[in-house]
Amino acid sequence: ASSIPLMLSSRIPQVVTNFRNGHTGVLSPVTLFANLLGSTARIFTTMQEAGGDIGMLASFGTSVLMNFIMFSQVILYRNATKRVIAEQKASQAKKTN
């Protein structure tokens, strides 16, 4: 449970930045999906192996929630993200020409 503030302090700013920008930049959907699956699996293993320790479940549950939000943002903002990345590449190409 003591890891919750640290995890939130790293994830909430990213979620807010994604929301404000309207895109997710270069965040990898594959990595975020793997994080989501991994934290979800940790809930089930904690229930089986640690007898459902509330502190651990709260920590992993918070992780699942934040990973789900970030993965959802990748899905919701995918078109805007593609557009922004294409614009950045075009801008960089102009600078090098």
C-alpha atoms as a PDB file:
ATOM      1  CA  ALA A   1       0.000   0.000   0.000  1.00  0.00           C
ATOM      2  CA  SER A   2       2.952   2.310   0.540  1.00  0.00           C
ATOM      3  CA  SER A   3       3.686   2.211  -3.192  1.00  0.00           C
ATOM      4  CA  ILE A   4       0.320   3.762  -4.084  1.00  0.00           C
ATOM      5  CA  PRO A   5       1.407   7.418  -3.670  1.00  0.00           C
ATOM      6  CA  LEU A   6       4.548   6.820  -5.734  1.00  0.00           C
ATOM      7  CA  MET A   7       2.609   5.095  -8.496  1.00  0.00           C
ATOM      8  CA  LEU A   8      -0.063   7.797  -8.520  1.00  0.00           C
ATOM      9  CA  SER A   9       2.538  10.556  -8.595  1.00  0.00           C
ATOM     10  CA  SER A  10       3.968   9.062 -11.765  1.00  0.00           C
ATOM     11  CA  ARG A  11       0.733   8.127 -13.543  1.00  0.00           C
ATOM     12  CA  ILE A  12      -1.626  11.019 -12.779  1.00  0.00           C
ATOM     13  CA  PRO A  13       0.580  13.684 -14.416  1.00  0.00           C
ATOM     14  CA  GLN A  14       0.804  11.536 -17.567  1.00  0.00           C
ATOM     15  CA  VAL A  15      -2.974  11.004 -17.655  1.00  0.00           C
ATOM     16  CA  VAL A  16      -3.556  14.753 -17.221  1.00  0.00           C
ATOM     17  CA  THR A  17      -0.977  15.615 -19.895  1.00  0.00           C
ATOM     18  CA  ASN A  18      -2.580  13.184 -22.326  1.00  0.00           C
ATOM     19  CA  PHE A  19      -5.989  14.705 -21.620  1.00  0.00           C
ATOM     20  CA  ARG A  20      -4.765  18.286 -22.067  1.00  0.00           C
ATOM     21  CA  ASN A  21      -2.868  17.468 -25.254  1.00  0.00           C
ATOM     22  CA  GLY A  22      -5.686  15.392 -26.706  1.00  0.00           C
ATOM     23  CA  HIS A  23      -3.167  12.752 -27.760  1.00  0.00           C
ATOM     24  CA  THR A  24      -0.766  10.296 -26.149  1.00  0.00           C
ATOM     25  CA  GLY A  25       2.390  11.085 -28.084  1.00  0.00           C
ATOM     26  CA  VAL A  26       4.806   8.190 -28.299  1.00  0.00           C
ATOM     27  CA  LEU A  27       3.332   6.055 -25.501  1.00  0.00           C
ATOM     28  CA  SER A  28       3.436   2.440 -26.582  1.00  0.00           C
ATOM     29  CA  PRO A  29       0.031   0.723 -26.595  1.00  0.00           C
ATOM     30  CA  VAL A  30       1.779  -2.660 -26.422  1.00  0.00           C
ATOM     31  CA  THR A  31       3.671  -1.693 -23.259  1.00  0.00           C
ATOM     32  CA  LEU A  32       0.589  -0.181 -21.648  1.00  0.00           C
ATOM     33  CA  PHE A  33      -1.462  -3.283 -22.464  1.00  0.00           C
ATOM     34  CA  ALA A  34       1.263  -5.512 -20.999  1.00  0.00           C
ATOM     35  CA  ASN A  35       1.279  -3.356 -17.845  1.00  0.00           C
ATOM     36  CA  LEU A  36      -2.496  -3.685 -17.610  1.00  0.00           C
ATOM     37  CA  LEU A  37      -2.392  -7.459 -18.016  1.00  0.00           C
ATOM     38  CA  GLY A  38       0.478  -7.787 -15.553  1.00  0.00           C
ATOM     39  CA  SER A  39      -1.161  -5.722 -12.834  1.00  0.00           C
ATOM     40  CA  THR A  40      -4.441  -7.595 -13.352  1.00  0.00           C
ATOM     41  CA  ALA A  41      -2.616 -10.904 -13.001  1.00  0.00           C
ATOM     42  CA  ARG A  42      -1.028  -9.635  -9.786  1.00  0.00           C
ATOM     43  CA  ILE A  43      -4.485  -9.173  -8.274  1.00  0.00           C
ATOM     44  CA  PHE A  44      -5.362 -12.813  -8.951  1.00  0.00           C
ATOM     45  CA  THR A  45      -2.022 -14.141  -7.697  1.00  0.00           C
ATOM     46  CA  THR A  46      -2.293 -11.997  -4.565  1.00  0.00           C
ATOM     47  CA  MET A  47      -5.725 -13.413  -3.861  1.00  0.00           C
ATOM     48  CA  GLN A  48      -4.401 -16.950  -4.270  1.00  0.00           C
ATOM     49  CA  GLU A  49      -0.949 -16.692  -2.720  1.00  0.00           C
ATOM     50  CA  ALA A  50      -1.236 -13.919  -0.133  1.00  0.00           C
ATOM     51  CA  GLY A  51      -4.739 -14.689   1.065  1.00  0.00           C
ATOM     52  CA  GLY A  52      -6.177 -11.486  -0.354  1.00  0.00           C
ATOM     53  CA  ASP A  53      -3.957  -9.074   1.617  1.00  0.00           C
ATOM     54  CA  ILE A  54      -5.911  -5.793   1.524  1.00  0.00           C
ATOM     55  CA  GLY A  55      -2.850  -3.550   1.258  1.00  0.00           C
ATOM     56  CA  MET A  56      -1.434  -5.490  -1.645  1.00  0.00           C
ATOM     57  CA  LEU A  57      -4.809  -5.681  -3.365  1.00  0.00           C
ATOM     58  CA  ALA A  58      -5.263  -1.927  -2.974  1.00  0.00           C
ATOM     59  CA  SER A  59      -1.853  -1.322  -4.498  1.00  0.00           C
ATOM     60  CA  PHE A  60      -2.405  -3.633  -7.459  1.00  0.00           C
ATOM     61  CA  GLY A  61      -6.003  -2.447  -7.879  1.00  0.00           C
ATOM     62  CA  THR A  62      -4.819   1.148  -8.104  1.00  0.00           C
ATOM     63  CA  SER A  63      -2.225   0.056 -10.633  1.00  0.00           C
ATOM     64  CA  VAL A  64      -4.899  -1.707 -12.720  1.00  0.00           C
ATOM     65  CA  LEU A  65      -7.056   1.426 -12.645  1.00  0.00           C
ATOM     66  CA  MET A  66      -4.249   3.749 -13.750  1.00  0.00           C
ATOM     67  CA  ASN A  67      -3.025   1.329 -16.421  1.00  0.00           C
ATOM     68  CA  PHE A  68      -6.590   0.960 -17.692  1.00  0.00           C
ATOM     69  CA  ILE A  69      -7.023   4.740 -17.895  1.00  0.00           C
ATOM     70  CA  MET A  70      -3.767   5.175 -19.795  1.00  0.00           C
ATOM     71  CA  PHE A  71      -4.483   2.290 -22.161  1.00  0.00           C
ATOM     72  CA  SER A  72      -7.979   3.694 -22.754  1.00  0.00           C
ATOM     73  CA  GLN A  73      -6.449   7.044 -23.621  1.00  0.00           C
ATOM     74  CA  VAL A  74      -4.243   5.384 -26.238  1.00  0.00           C
ATOM     75  CA  ILE A  75      -7.348   3.845 -27.798  1.00  0.00           C
ATOM     76  CA  LEU A  76      -9.486   7.005 -27.557  1.00  0.00           C
ATOM     77  CA  TYR A  77      -6.783   9.377 -28.812  1.00  0.00           C
ATOM     78  CA  ARG A  78      -5.268   7.078 -31.463  1.00  0.00           C
ATOM     79  CA  ASN A  79      -6.360   9.173 -34.463  1.00  0.00           C
ATOM     80  CA  ALA A  80      -5.199  12.443 -32.927  1.00  0.00           C
ATOM     81  CA  THR A  81      -1.928  10.802 -31.908  1.00  0.00           C
ATOM     82  CA  LYS A  82      -1.315   9.562 -35.466  1.00  0.00           C
ATOM     83  CA  ARG A  83      -1.976  13.055 -36.793  1.00  0.00           C
ATOM     84  CA  VAL A  84       0.374  14.719 -34.285  1.00  0.00           C
ATOM     85  CA  ILE A  85       3.178  12.238 -34.952  1.00  0.00           C
ATOM     86  CA  ALA A  86       2.781  12.715 -38.726  1.00  0.00           C
ATOM     87  CA  GLU A  87       2.939  16.502 -38.262  1.00  0.00           C
ATOM     88  CA  GLN A  88       6.073  16.179 -36.124  1.00  0.00           C
ATOM     89  CA  LYS A  89       7.744  13.969 -38.742  1.00  0.00           C
ATOM     90  CA  ALA A  90       6.825  16.406 -41.523  1.00  0.00           C
ATOM     91  CA  SER A  91       8.198  19.300 -39.498  1.00  0.00           C
ATOM     92  CA  GLN A  92      11.449  17.439 -38.854  1.00  0.00           C
ATOM     93  CA  ALA A  93      11.738  16.542 -42.543  1.00  0.00           C
ATOM     94  CA  LYS A  94      11.395  20.239 -43.482  1.00  0.00           C
ATOM     95  CA  LYS A  95      14.180  21.152 -41.044  1.00  0.00           C
ATOM     96  CA  THR A  96      16.590  18.634 -42.538  1.00  0.00           C
ATOM     97  CA  ASN A  97      15.883  19.685 -46.163  1.00  0.00           C
END
